[in-house]
Amino acid sequence: MVSEIKTISGRGIPLVGNDIDTDRIIPARFLRCVTFDGLGAHVFADDRAALKGQHPFDQPQYQGAKILVVNRNFGCGSSREHAPQAIAKWGIRAVIGESFAEIFFGNCLAMGIPCVTTDSTTVKQLQEAIAANPQAAVTVNLETMQVQFGDFSAPISIGEGAKNMFVSGTWDACGQLVAHADQIRATAAKLPYMNWSQAPAQS
């Protein structure tokens, strides 16, 4: 199984503000769930309630968007993996921002959600352009390292290791295990502690 992620394209959703932490992304009271199913309905729950329908995640023109455009230090705070899960369950497939908290970035990587960075001017231009034309597609290209929105394009960045994992499909740890199941079984069969019939007798 290869889960290569080279290009992500879809409508965008702008979320303006620095230091948006994981408690704002998914408040702690929703962490009691047994599975991540249904978390998408509660993403940014408190912010959305406070803005009474004016939060981007509630506005009709952004429903079905796949590319989230944020500002600086997005995903800071606690390390809860529920935050990227909630964003993903809502429908987001890639995030563009000025910078990301390290653990949030790592959690997104493990889920196949690229978090790419660009400068503050480009982020502002993208957010304003999407707000003006929310039906137009945003394309994140991890091979050319460019973001495109209509006639507008700009460079984006991501660590070389993370980029290679997305492009090659090796970000998907479970998929890698499934793809190499026969090799794993063969190796396990040679290990005494995995095969009790080969284990040395206890004195």
N, C-alpha and C. Protein backbone atom coordinates (compact mmCIF):
# COMPACT_ATOMS: atom_id res chain seq x y z
N MET A 1 0.84 -1.19 0.00
CA MET A 1 0.00 0.00 0.00
C MET A 1 0.88 1.25 0.00
N VAL A 2 0.72 2.09 -0.99
CA VAL A 2 1.48 3.34 -1.07
C VAL A 2 0.50 4.50 -1.04
N SER A 3 0.71 5.42 -0.13
CA SER A 3 -0.20 6.55 0.04
C SER A 3 0.53 7.85 -0.27
N GLU A 4 0.95 7.98 -1.51
CA GLU A 4 1.70 9.17 -1.92
C GLU A 4 0.80 10.41 -1.88
N ILE A 5 1.34 11.49 -1.35
CA ILE A 5 0.63 12.77 -1.33
C ILE A 5 1.54 13.79 -1.98
N LYS A 6 1.22 14.15 -3.21
CA LYS A 6 2.05 15.07 -3.97
C LYS A 6 1.36 16.41 -4.22
N THR A 7 0.06 16.36 -4.46
CA THR A 7 -0.71 17.57 -4.73
C THR A 7 -2.04 17.49 -3.99
N ILE A 8 -2.38 18.56 -3.31
CA ILE A 8 -3.68 18.66 -2.64
C ILE A 8 -4.38 19.89 -3.21
N SER A 9 -5.58 19.69 -3.69
CA SER A 9 -6.31 20.80 -4.30
C SER A 9 -7.75 20.83 -3.78
N GLY A 10 -8.24 22.01 -3.53
CA GLY A 10 -9.61 22.17 -3.06
C GLY A 10 -9.86 23.60 -2.67
N ARG A 11 -11.08 23.89 -2.31
CA ARG A 11 -11.39 25.26 -1.87
C ARG A 11 -10.72 25.55 -0.54
N GLY A 12 -10.41 26.81 -0.33
CA GLY A 12 -9.70 27.22 0.88
C GLY A 12 -10.62 27.81 1.93
N ILE A 13 -10.09 27.87 3.17
CA ILE A 13 -10.80 28.51 4.27
C ILE A 13 -9.77 29.31 5.08
N PRO A 14 -9.96 30.62 5.21
CA PRO A 14 -9.00 31.44 5.96
C PRO A 14 -9.36 31.50 7.44
N LEU A 15 -8.37 31.33 8.30
CA LEU A 15 -8.58 31.45 9.74
C LEU A 15 -7.52 32.40 10.27
N VAL A 16 -7.91 33.64 10.50
CA VAL A 16 -6.96 34.69 10.87
C VAL A 16 -6.71 34.69 12.37
N GLY A 17 -5.43 34.77 12.75
CA GLY A 17 -5.07 34.86 14.16
C GLY A 17 -3.81 34.08 14.48
N ASN A 18 -2.97 34.63 15.34
CA ASN A 18 -1.76 33.95 15.77
C ASN A 18 -2.02 33.13 17.03
N ASP A 19 -1.17 32.14 17.26
CA ASP A 19 -1.16 31.36 18.51
C ASP A 19 -2.51 30.68 18.79
N ILE A 20 -3.14 30.18 17.77
CA ILE A 20 -4.39 29.42 17.97
C ILE A 20 -3.99 28.04 18.50
N ASP A 21 -4.34 27.77 19.76
CA ASP A 21 -3.84 26.55 20.40
C ASP A 21 -4.81 25.38 20.24
N THR A 22 -4.34 24.21 20.69
CA THR A 22 -5.11 22.99 20.49
C THR A 22 -6.40 22.97 21.32
N ASP A 23 -6.43 23.71 22.42
CA ASP A 23 -7.67 23.77 23.21
C ASP A 23 -8.74 24.57 22.48
N ARG A 24 -8.32 25.53 21.68
CA ARG A 24 -9.29 26.24 20.85
C ARG A 24 -9.71 25.39 19.65
N ILE A 25 -8.77 24.61 19.12
CA ILE A 25 -9.10 23.76 17.98
C ILE A 25 -10.12 22.70 18.40
N ILE A 26 -9.90 22.05 19.53
CA ILE A 26 -10.87 21.08 20.06
C ILE A 26 -10.83 21.15 21.59
N PRO A 27 -11.82 21.78 22.20
CA PRO A 27 -11.83 21.94 23.65
C PRO A 27 -11.74 20.61 24.40
N ALA A 28 -11.17 20.67 25.60
CA ALA A 28 -10.83 19.47 26.36
C ALA A 28 -12.03 18.58 26.65
N ARG A 29 -13.22 19.14 26.76
CA ARG A 29 -14.39 18.32 27.10
C ARG A 29 -14.73 17.30 26.01
N PHE A 30 -14.19 17.49 24.82
CA PHE A 30 -14.46 16.56 23.72
C PHE A 30 -13.41 15.45 23.61
N LEU A 31 -12.45 15.44 24.54
CA LEU A 31 -11.38 14.44 24.46
C LEU A 31 -11.77 13.10 25.06
N ARG A 32 -12.96 13.00 25.62
CA ARG A 32 -13.38 11.76 26.25
C ARG A 32 -13.88 10.73 25.24
N CYS A 33 -13.88 11.09 23.96
CA CYS A 33 -14.40 10.19 22.93
C CYS A 33 -13.57 8.91 22.85
N VAL A 34 -14.23 7.80 22.50
CA VAL A 34 -13.55 6.52 22.34
C VAL A 34 -12.84 6.46 20.98
N THR A 35 -13.49 7.01 19.95
CA THR A 35 -12.87 7.12 18.62
C THR A 35 -12.88 8.59 18.23
N PHE A 36 -12.21 8.90 17.12
CA PHE A 36 -12.17 10.28 16.64
C PHE A 36 -13.39 10.64 15.80
N ASP A 37 -14.23 9.66 15.50
CA ASP A 37 -15.42 9.91 14.69
C ASP A 37 -16.30 10.97 15.37
N GLY A 38 -16.77 11.91 14.60
CA GLY A 38 -17.65 12.94 15.13
C GLY A 38 -16.95 14.18 15.65
N LEU A 39 -15.61 14.13 15.76
CA LEU A 39 -14.89 15.30 16.28
C LEU A 39 -15.00 16.50 15.36
N GLY A 40 -15.17 16.24 14.07
CA GLY A 40 -15.25 17.35 13.12
C GLY A 40 -16.37 18.32 13.43
N ALA A 41 -17.46 17.82 13.99
CA ALA A 41 -18.60 18.69 14.31
C ALA A 41 -18.26 19.65 15.44
N HIS A 42 -17.23 19.33 16.24
CA HIS A 42 -16.91 20.14 17.41
C HIS A 42 -15.63 20.95 17.25
N VAL A 43 -15.01 20.92 16.07
CA VAL A 43 -13.79 21.68 15.87
C VAL A 43 -14.06 23.17 16.08
N PHE A 44 -13.21 23.83 16.85
CA PHE A 44 -13.36 25.25 17.20
C PHE A 44 -14.70 25.53 17.87
N ALA A 45 -15.21 24.60 18.66
CA ALA A 45 -16.55 24.70 19.23
C ALA A 45 -16.77 26.00 20.00
N ASP A 46 -15.83 26.36 20.88
CA ASP A 46 -16.03 27.55 21.71
C ASP A 46 -15.90 28.83 20.90
N ASP A 47 -14.92 28.86 20.01
CA ASP A 47 -14.76 30.04 19.15
C ASP A 47 -16.00 30.23 18.28
N ARG A 48 -16.54 29.15 17.76
CA ARG A 48 -17.72 29.22 16.89
C ARG A 48 -18.94 29.69 17.68
N ALA A 49 -19.07 29.20 18.91
CA ALA A 49 -20.20 29.63 19.74
C ALA A 49 -20.11 31.12 20.06
N ALA A 50 -18.89 31.58 20.34
CA ALA A 50 -18.69 32.99 20.67
C ALA A 50 -19.00 33.91 19.49
N LEU A 51 -18.70 33.43 18.28
CA LEU A 51 -18.90 34.26 17.08
C LEU A 51 -20.29 34.08 16.46
N LYS A 52 -21.09 33.21 17.03
CA LYS A 52 -22.51 33.08 16.66
C LYS A 52 -22.74 32.98 15.15
N GLY A 53 -22.05 32.02 14.54
CA GLY A 53 -22.26 31.78 13.12
C GLY A 53 -21.32 32.52 12.19
N GLN A 54 -20.49 33.40 12.74
CA GLN A 54 -19.58 34.18 11.89
C GLN A 54 -18.17 33.60 11.81
N HIS A 55 -17.93 32.50 12.53
CA HIS A 55 -16.64 31.83 12.43
C HIS A 55 -16.53 31.20 11.04
N PRO A 56 -15.34 31.23 10.41
CA PRO A 56 -15.20 30.66 9.07
C PRO A 56 -15.71 29.22 8.95
N PHE A 57 -15.55 28.42 10.00
CA PHE A 57 -15.99 27.03 9.93
C PHE A 57 -17.51 26.89 9.97
N ASP A 58 -18.20 28.00 10.23
CA ASP A 58 -19.67 28.00 10.19
C ASP A 58 -20.22 28.69 8.94
N GLN A 59 -19.40 29.51 8.30
CA GLN A 59 -19.91 30.29 7.18
C GLN A 59 -20.14 29.40 5.96
N PRO A 60 -21.29 29.57 5.31
CA PRO A 60 -21.67 28.66 4.23
C PRO A 60 -20.70 28.63 3.06
N GLN A 61 -20.03 29.75 2.76
CA GLN A 61 -19.15 29.78 1.59
C GLN A 61 -17.91 28.92 1.77
N TYR A 62 -17.61 28.51 3.00
CA TYR A 62 -16.40 27.72 3.24
C TYR A 62 -16.69 26.24 3.50
N GLN A 63 -17.95 25.87 3.50
CA GLN A 63 -18.27 24.46 3.75
C GLN A 63 -17.72 23.60 2.61
N GLY A 64 -17.08 22.51 2.98
CA GLY A 64 -16.46 21.63 2.00
C GLY A 64 -15.04 22.01 1.62
N ALA A 65 -14.49 23.05 2.27
CA ALA A 65 -13.12 23.47 1.97
C ALA A 65 -12.13 22.40 2.43
N LYS A 66 -11.00 22.33 1.75
CA LYS A 66 -9.98 21.32 2.07
C LYS A 66 -8.64 21.91 2.51
N ILE A 67 -8.42 23.20 2.18
CA ILE A 67 -7.12 23.82 2.48
C ILE A 67 -7.33 24.92 3.52
N LEU A 68 -6.75 24.76 4.69
CA LEU A 68 -6.86 25.74 5.76
C LEU A 68 -5.66 26.68 5.73
N VAL A 69 -5.92 27.98 5.77
CA VAL A 69 -4.83 28.97 5.74
C VAL A 69 -4.82 29.73 7.06
N VAL A 70 -3.74 29.57 7.82
CA VAL A 70 -3.64 30.12 9.17
C VAL A 70 -2.43 31.05 9.26
N ASN A 71 -2.22 31.57 10.46
CA ASN A 71 -1.10 32.50 10.66
C ASN A 71 0.03 31.86 11.46
N ARG A 72 0.52 32.52 12.50
CA ARG A 72 1.75 32.10 13.18
C ARG A 72 1.46 31.19 14.38
N ASN A 73 2.31 30.17 14.55
CA ASN A 73 2.31 29.29 15.72
C ASN A 73 0.98 28.56 15.88
N PHE A 74 0.45 28.07 14.79
CA PHE A 74 -0.82 27.35 14.83
C PHE A 74 -0.63 25.98 15.46
N GLY A 75 -1.56 25.59 16.34
CA GLY A 75 -1.50 24.27 16.97
C GLY A 75 -0.62 24.23 18.21
N CYS A 76 -0.33 25.38 18.81
CA CYS A 76 0.48 25.40 20.02
C CYS A 76 -0.37 24.88 21.19
N GLY A 77 0.24 24.77 22.36
CA GLY A 77 -0.50 24.28 23.52
C GLY A 77 -0.26 22.80 23.75
N SER A 78 -1.29 22.10 24.25
CA SER A 78 -1.13 20.69 24.59
C SER A 78 -0.91 19.84 23.35
N SER A 79 -0.42 18.62 23.56
CA SER A 79 -0.04 17.77 22.44
C SER A 79 -1.17 16.92 21.90
N ARG A 80 -2.40 17.17 22.32
CA ARG A 80 -3.52 16.31 21.95
C ARG A 80 -3.62 16.06 20.44
N GLU A 81 -3.62 14.78 20.07
CA GLU A 81 -3.76 14.43 18.65
C GLU A 81 -5.19 14.64 18.18
N HIS A 82 -6.10 14.90 19.12
CA HIS A 82 -7.49 15.17 18.74
C HIS A 82 -7.60 16.44 17.90
N ALA A 83 -6.63 17.36 18.05
CA ALA A 83 -6.71 18.63 17.30
C ALA A 83 -6.61 18.41 15.80
N PRO A 84 -5.54 17.77 15.29
CA PRO A 84 -5.52 17.51 13.85
C PRO A 84 -6.60 16.53 13.41
N GLN A 85 -6.99 15.61 14.30
CA GLN A 85 -8.06 14.68 13.96
C GLN A 85 -9.37 15.44 13.73
N ALA A 86 -9.66 16.41 14.59
CA ALA A 86 -10.89 17.19 14.45
C ALA A 86 -10.89 17.99 13.16
N ILE A 87 -9.74 18.59 12.84
CA ILE A 87 -9.62 19.34 11.60
C ILE A 87 -9.83 18.42 10.40
N ALA A 88 -9.21 17.24 10.46
CA ALA A 88 -9.33 16.28 9.36
C ALA A 88 -10.76 15.78 9.21
N LYS A 89 -11.41 15.49 10.35
CA LYS A 89 -12.78 14.98 10.29
C LYS A 89 -13.73 16.05 9.73
N TRP A 90 -13.39 17.32 9.90
CA TRP A 90 -14.20 18.38 9.30
C TRP A 90 -14.03 18.40 7.79
N GLY A 91 -12.82 17.97 7.33
CA GLY A 91 -12.59 17.89 5.89
C GLY A 91 -11.29 18.50 5.40
N ILE A 92 -10.47 19.02 6.30
CA ILE A 92 -9.22 19.67 5.90
C ILE A 92 -8.19 18.60 5.51
N ARG A 93 -7.49 18.85 4.38
CA ARG A 93 -6.50 17.91 3.88
C ARG A 93 -5.09 18.50 3.84
N ALA A 94 -4.95 19.81 4.02
CA ALA A 94 -3.64 20.45 4.07
C ALA A 94 -3.79 21.79 4.79
N VAL A 95 -2.71 22.24 5.43
CA VAL A 95 -2.73 23.51 6.15
C VAL A 95 -1.54 24.35 5.67
N ILE A 96 -1.82 25.61 5.36
CA ILE A 96 -0.78 26.57 5.00
C ILE A 96 -0.72 27.60 6.11
N GLY A 97 0.48 27.89 6.61
CA GLY A 97 0.60 28.87 7.68
C GLY A 97 1.98 29.47 7.74
N GLU A 98 2.14 30.44 8.64
CA GLU A 98 3.46 31.05 8.84
C GLU A 98 4.37 30.12 9.64
N SER A 99 3.80 29.44 10.64
CA SER A 99 4.56 28.47 11.44
C SER A 99 3.59 27.60 12.22
N PHE A 100 4.11 26.43 12.65
CA PHE A 100 3.29 25.46 13.36
C PHE A 100 4.01 24.98 14.61
N ALA A 101 3.24 24.65 15.64
CA ALA A 101 3.83 24.01 16.81
C ALA A 101 4.37 22.65 16.39
N GLU A 102 5.51 22.28 16.95
CA GLU A 102 6.22 21.08 16.50
C GLU A 102 5.40 19.80 16.67
N ILE A 103 4.76 19.63 17.83
CA ILE A 103 4.00 18.39 18.06
C ILE A 103 2.77 18.35 17.16
N PHE A 104 2.12 19.48 16.99
CA PHE A 104 0.96 19.53 16.08
C PHE A 104 1.40 19.14 14.67
N PHE A 105 2.53 19.68 14.23
CA PHE A 105 3.06 19.34 12.90
C PHE A 105 3.29 17.83 12.79
N GLY A 106 3.91 17.25 13.82
CA GLY A 106 4.20 15.82 13.80
C GLY A 106 2.93 14.97 13.78
N ASN A 107 1.93 15.38 14.53
CA ASN A 107 0.65 14.66 14.52
C ASN A 107 -0.01 14.72 13.15
N CYS A 108 0.08 15.88 12.51
CA CYS A 108 -0.48 16.02 11.17
C CYS A 108 0.28 15.15 10.17
N LEU A 109 1.59 15.12 10.29
CA LEU A 109 2.41 14.29 9.41
C LEU A 109 2.00 12.83 9.51
N ALA A 110 1.78 12.36 10.73
CA ALA A 110 1.40 10.96 10.95
C ALA A 110 0.03 10.64 10.35
N MET A 111 -0.77 11.67 10.10
CA MET A 111 -2.11 11.48 9.54
C MET A 111 -2.17 11.75 8.05
N GLY A 112 -1.06 12.23 7.47
CA GLY A 112 -1.06 12.55 6.05
C GLY A 112 -1.62 13.91 5.72
N ILE A 113 -1.49 14.85 6.66
CA ILE A 113 -1.94 16.22 6.43
C ILE A 113 -0.71 17.13 6.36
N PRO A 114 -0.30 17.55 5.17
CA PRO A 114 0.86 18.44 5.06
C PRO A 114 0.59 19.80 5.70
N CYS A 115 1.53 20.25 6.52
CA CYS A 115 1.50 21.60 7.08
C CYS A 115 2.66 22.35 6.46
N VAL A 116 2.39 23.19 5.48
CA VAL A 116 3.45 23.90 4.78
C VAL A 116 3.49 25.35 5.23
N THR A 117 4.66 25.93 5.17
CA THR A 117 4.82 27.31 5.62
C THR A 117 5.13 28.24 4.47
N THR A 118 4.81 29.50 4.69
CA THR A 118 5.18 30.56 3.77
C THR A 118 5.24 31.86 4.57
N ASP A 119 5.67 32.94 3.96
CA ASP A 119 5.84 34.18 4.71
C ASP A 119 4.50 34.84 5.02
N SER A 120 4.52 35.76 5.97
CA SER A 120 3.29 36.39 6.45
C SER A 120 2.56 37.16 5.36
N THR A 121 3.31 37.77 4.44
CA THR A 121 2.68 38.52 3.35
C THR A 121 1.88 37.59 2.44
N THR A 122 2.47 36.44 2.11
CA THR A 122 1.78 35.48 1.26
C THR A 122 0.54 34.93 1.96
N VAL A 123 0.67 34.62 3.25
CA VAL A 123 -0.48 34.12 4.01
C VAL A 123 -1.62 35.13 3.98
N LYS A 124 -1.30 36.40 4.23
CA LYS A 124 -2.33 37.43 4.22
C LYS A 124 -2.97 37.55 2.84
N GLN A 125 -2.15 37.52 1.80
CA GLN A 125 -2.68 37.60 0.44
C GLN A 125 -3.62 36.44 0.14
N LEU A 126 -3.24 35.24 0.56
CA LEU A 126 -4.07 34.06 0.35
C LEU A 126 -5.38 34.17 1.11
N GLN A 127 -5.29 34.57 2.37
CA GLN A 127 -6.50 34.69 3.18
C GLN A 127 -7.48 35.70 2.58
N GLU A 128 -6.95 36.82 2.12
CA GLU A 128 -7.80 37.85 1.53
C GLU A 128 -8.37 37.40 0.19
N ALA A 129 -7.55 36.70 -0.60
CA ALA A 129 -8.00 36.23 -1.91
C ALA A 129 -9.10 35.17 -1.76
N ILE A 130 -8.93 34.27 -0.80
CA ILE A 130 -9.94 33.24 -0.57
C ILE A 130 -11.24 33.87 -0.08
N ALA A 131 -11.13 34.85 0.82
CA ALA A 131 -12.33 35.53 1.31
C ALA A 131 -13.08 36.22 0.18
N ALA A 132 -12.33 36.74 -0.79
CA ALA A 132 -12.95 37.44 -1.92
C ALA A 132 -13.53 36.48 -2.94
N ASN A 133 -12.95 35.28 -3.03
CA ASN A 133 -13.40 34.31 -4.03
C ASN A 133 -13.35 32.90 -3.43
N PRO A 134 -14.27 32.58 -2.51
CA PRO A 134 -14.20 31.31 -1.78
C PRO A 134 -14.47 30.07 -2.62
N GLN A 135 -14.96 30.23 -3.83
CA GLN A 135 -15.25 29.06 -4.67
C GLN A 135 -14.05 28.62 -5.51
N ALA A 136 -13.02 29.44 -5.56
CA ALA A 136 -11.84 29.09 -6.36
C ALA A 136 -10.97 28.07 -5.63
N ALA A 137 -10.26 27.25 -6.39
CA ALA A 137 -9.44 26.19 -5.80
C ALA A 137 -8.06 26.70 -5.40
N VAL A 138 -7.58 26.18 -4.29
CA VAL A 138 -6.21 26.37 -3.84
C VAL A 138 -5.48 25.04 -4.09
N THR A 139 -4.29 25.12 -4.66
CA THR A 139 -3.51 23.91 -4.93
C THR A 139 -2.17 23.98 -4.20
N VAL A 140 -1.90 22.98 -3.41
CA VAL A 140 -0.61 22.83 -2.73
C VAL A 140 0.16 21.73 -3.44
N ASN A 141 1.28 22.10 -4.04
CA ASN A 141 2.09 21.14 -4.80
C ASN A 141 3.39 20.88 -4.04
N LEU A 142 3.52 19.65 -3.53
CA LEU A 142 4.70 19.30 -2.73
C LEU A 142 5.91 18.94 -3.58
N GLU A 143 5.71 18.76 -4.87
CA GLU A 143 6.84 18.47 -5.76
C GLU A 143 7.50 19.77 -6.22
N THR A 144 6.68 20.76 -6.60
CA THR A 144 7.24 22.05 -7.03
C THR A 144 7.39 23.01 -5.86
N MET A 145 6.80 22.66 -4.71
CA MET A 145 6.79 23.51 -3.51
C MET A 145 6.23 24.89 -3.82
N GLN A 146 5.03 24.86 -4.40
CA GLN A 146 4.32 26.09 -4.74
C GLN A 146 2.86 25.95 -4.29
N VAL A 147 2.27 27.08 -3.91
CA VAL A 147 0.83 27.15 -3.69
C VAL A 147 0.27 28.03 -4.80
N GLN A 148 -0.86 27.61 -5.35
CA GLN A 148 -1.47 28.36 -6.44
C GLN A 148 -2.94 28.63 -6.13
N PHE A 149 -3.36 29.84 -6.44
CA PHE A 149 -4.76 30.25 -6.28
C PHE A 149 -5.09 31.15 -7.47
N GLY A 150 -5.75 30.61 -8.46
CA GLY A 150 -5.99 31.37 -9.67
C GLY A 150 -4.68 31.73 -10.34
N ASP A 151 -4.48 33.01 -10.61
CA ASP A 151 -3.24 33.47 -11.22
C ASP A 151 -2.13 33.70 -10.20
N PHE A 152 -2.47 33.60 -8.94
CA PHE A 152 -1.50 33.86 -7.88
C PHE A 152 -0.75 32.57 -7.52
N SER A 153 0.56 32.65 -7.42
CA SER A 153 1.35 31.51 -6.95
C SER A 153 2.49 32.03 -6.09
N ALA A 154 2.92 31.19 -5.16
CA ALA A 154 3.99 31.60 -4.24
C ALA A 154 4.70 30.35 -3.73
N PRO A 155 5.96 30.50 -3.33
CA PRO A 155 6.70 29.35 -2.80
C PRO A 155 6.22 28.97 -1.40
N ILE A 156 6.27 27.67 -1.10
CA ILE A 156 5.96 27.16 0.22
C ILE A 156 7.14 26.31 0.69
N SER A 157 7.17 26.02 1.98
CA SER A 157 8.28 25.24 2.54
C SER A 157 7.77 24.15 3.45
N ILE A 158 8.54 23.09 3.54
CA ILE A 158 8.32 22.01 4.51
C ILE A 158 9.66 21.29 4.64
N GLY A 159 9.94 20.74 5.78
CA GLY A 159 11.20 20.03 5.97
C GLY A 159 11.40 18.95 4.92
N GLU A 160 12.63 18.77 4.48
CA GLU A 160 12.91 17.81 3.42
C GLU A 160 12.49 16.40 3.80
N GLY A 161 12.70 16.03 5.06
CA GLY A 161 12.31 14.70 5.49
C GLY A 161 10.81 14.49 5.40
N ALA A 162 10.05 15.48 5.89
CA ALA A 162 8.59 15.38 5.84
C ALA A 162 8.10 15.38 4.40
N LYS A 163 8.69 16.24 3.58
CA LYS A 163 8.31 16.29 2.16
C LYS A 163 8.51 14.93 1.50
N ASN A 164 9.66 14.31 1.73
CA ASN A 164 9.95 13.01 1.13
C ASN A 164 8.98 11.94 1.61
N MET A 165 8.59 12.02 2.87
CA MET A 165 7.64 11.05 3.41
C MET A 165 6.28 11.17 2.73
N PHE A 166 5.82 12.41 2.50
CA PHE A 166 4.54 12.60 1.81
C PHE A 166 4.62 12.13 0.36
N VAL A 167 5.65 12.57 -0.34
CA VAL A 167 5.75 12.29 -1.78
C VAL A 167 5.95 10.80 -2.05
N SER A 168 6.68 10.12 -1.16
CA SER A 168 6.94 8.69 -1.35
C SER A 168 5.86 7.80 -0.75
N GLY A 169 5.03 8.39 0.11
CA GLY A 169 3.98 7.61 0.77
C GLY A 169 4.42 6.95 2.05
N THR A 170 5.65 7.21 2.50
CA THR A 170 6.15 6.54 3.70
C THR A 170 5.68 7.22 4.99
N TRP A 171 4.88 8.29 4.89
CA TRP A 171 4.30 8.92 6.09
C TRP A 171 3.33 7.96 6.78
N ASP A 172 2.76 7.03 6.01
CA ASP A 172 1.69 6.15 6.49
C ASP A 172 2.30 4.92 7.16
N ALA A 173 2.53 5.01 8.47
CA ALA A 173 3.19 3.92 9.18
C ALA A 173 2.38 2.63 9.12
N CYS A 174 1.07 2.72 9.30
CA CYS A 174 0.22 1.52 9.24
C CYS A 174 0.24 0.92 7.84
N GLY A 175 0.18 1.78 6.84
CA GLY A 175 0.23 1.32 5.46
C GLY A 175 1.54 0.62 5.15
N GLN A 176 2.62 1.15 5.72
CA GLN A 176 3.92 0.53 5.52
C GLN A 176 3.97 -0.87 6.13
N LEU A 177 3.39 -1.02 7.30
CA LEU A 177 3.34 -2.32 7.95
C LEU A 177 2.55 -3.33 7.12
N VAL A 178 1.39 -2.89 6.62
CA VAL A 178 0.56 -3.78 5.81
C VAL A 178 1.28 -4.17 4.52
N ALA A 179 1.94 -3.18 3.90
CA ALA A 179 2.63 -3.43 2.62
C ALA A 179 3.78 -4.41 2.78
N HIS A 180 4.37 -4.44 3.96
CA HIS A 180 5.54 -5.31 4.17
C HIS A 180 5.21 -6.44 5.14
N ALA A 181 3.96 -6.85 5.17
CA ALA A 181 3.52 -7.87 6.14
C ALA A 181 4.31 -9.16 6.00
N ASP A 182 4.56 -9.62 4.77
CA ASP A 182 5.28 -10.88 4.58
C ASP A 182 6.71 -10.80 5.11
N GLN A 183 7.37 -9.67 4.87
CA GLN A 183 8.74 -9.49 5.36
C GLN A 183 8.76 -9.43 6.88
N ILE A 184 7.74 -8.79 7.45
CA ILE A 184 7.67 -8.68 8.91
C ILE A 184 7.48 -10.06 9.54
N ARG A 185 6.60 -10.88 8.94
CA ARG A 185 6.38 -12.22 9.45
C ARG A 185 7.65 -13.06 9.35
N ALA A 186 8.36 -12.93 8.22
CA ALA A 186 9.58 -13.70 8.02
C ALA A 186 10.63 -13.32 9.05
N THR A 187 10.76 -12.03 9.31
CA THR A 187 11.72 -11.57 10.32
C THR A 187 11.31 -12.02 11.71
N ALA A 188 10.01 -11.92 12.02
CA ALA A 188 9.52 -12.31 13.33
C ALA A 188 9.76 -13.80 13.58
N ALA A 189 9.63 -14.60 12.53
CA ALA A 189 9.81 -16.04 12.67
C ALA A 189 11.24 -16.40 13.06
N LYS A 190 12.20 -15.53 12.78
CA LYS A 190 13.60 -15.79 13.09
C LYS A 190 13.99 -15.33 14.50
N LEU A 191 13.11 -14.61 15.15
CA LEU A 191 13.41 -14.05 16.47
C LEU A 191 12.95 -15.00 17.57
N PRO A 192 13.85 -15.47 18.41
CA PRO A 192 13.48 -16.44 19.45
C PRO A 192 12.35 -15.95 20.35
N TYR A 193 12.37 -14.66 20.69
CA TYR A 193 11.35 -14.15 21.61
C TYR A 193 9.99 -13.95 20.93
N MET A 194 9.94 -14.14 19.60
CA MET A 194 8.67 -14.10 18.88
C MET A 194 8.18 -15.50 18.53
N ASN A 195 9.02 -16.50 18.79
CA ASN A 195 8.69 -17.87 18.42
C ASN A 195 9.10 -18.76 19.59
N TRP A 196 8.16 -19.10 20.46
CA TRP A 196 8.49 -19.80 21.70
C TRP A 196 9.09 -21.17 21.45
N SER A 197 8.81 -21.75 20.29
CA SER A 197 9.39 -23.08 20.02
C SER A 197 10.91 -23.01 19.85
N GLN A 198 11.42 -21.80 19.54
CA GLN A 198 12.85 -21.63 19.35
C GLN A 198 13.52 -21.01 20.58
N ALA A 199 12.75 -20.65 21.57
CA ALA A 199 13.31 -19.98 22.73
C ALA A 199 14.15 -20.96 23.54
N PRO A 200 15.28 -20.50 24.07
CA PRO A 200 16.13 -21.40 24.88
C PRO A 200 15.40 -21.84 26.15
N ALA A 201 15.67 -23.03 26.58
CA ALA A 201 15.03 -23.54 27.79
C ALA A 201 15.50 -22.76 29.01
N GLN A 202 14.59 -22.55 29.93
CA GLN A 202 14.92 -21.81 31.14
C GLN A 202 15.56 -22.77 32.15
N SER A 203 16.65 -22.35 32.74
CA SER A 203 17.32 -23.21 33.72
C SER A 203 16.70 -23.01 35.11
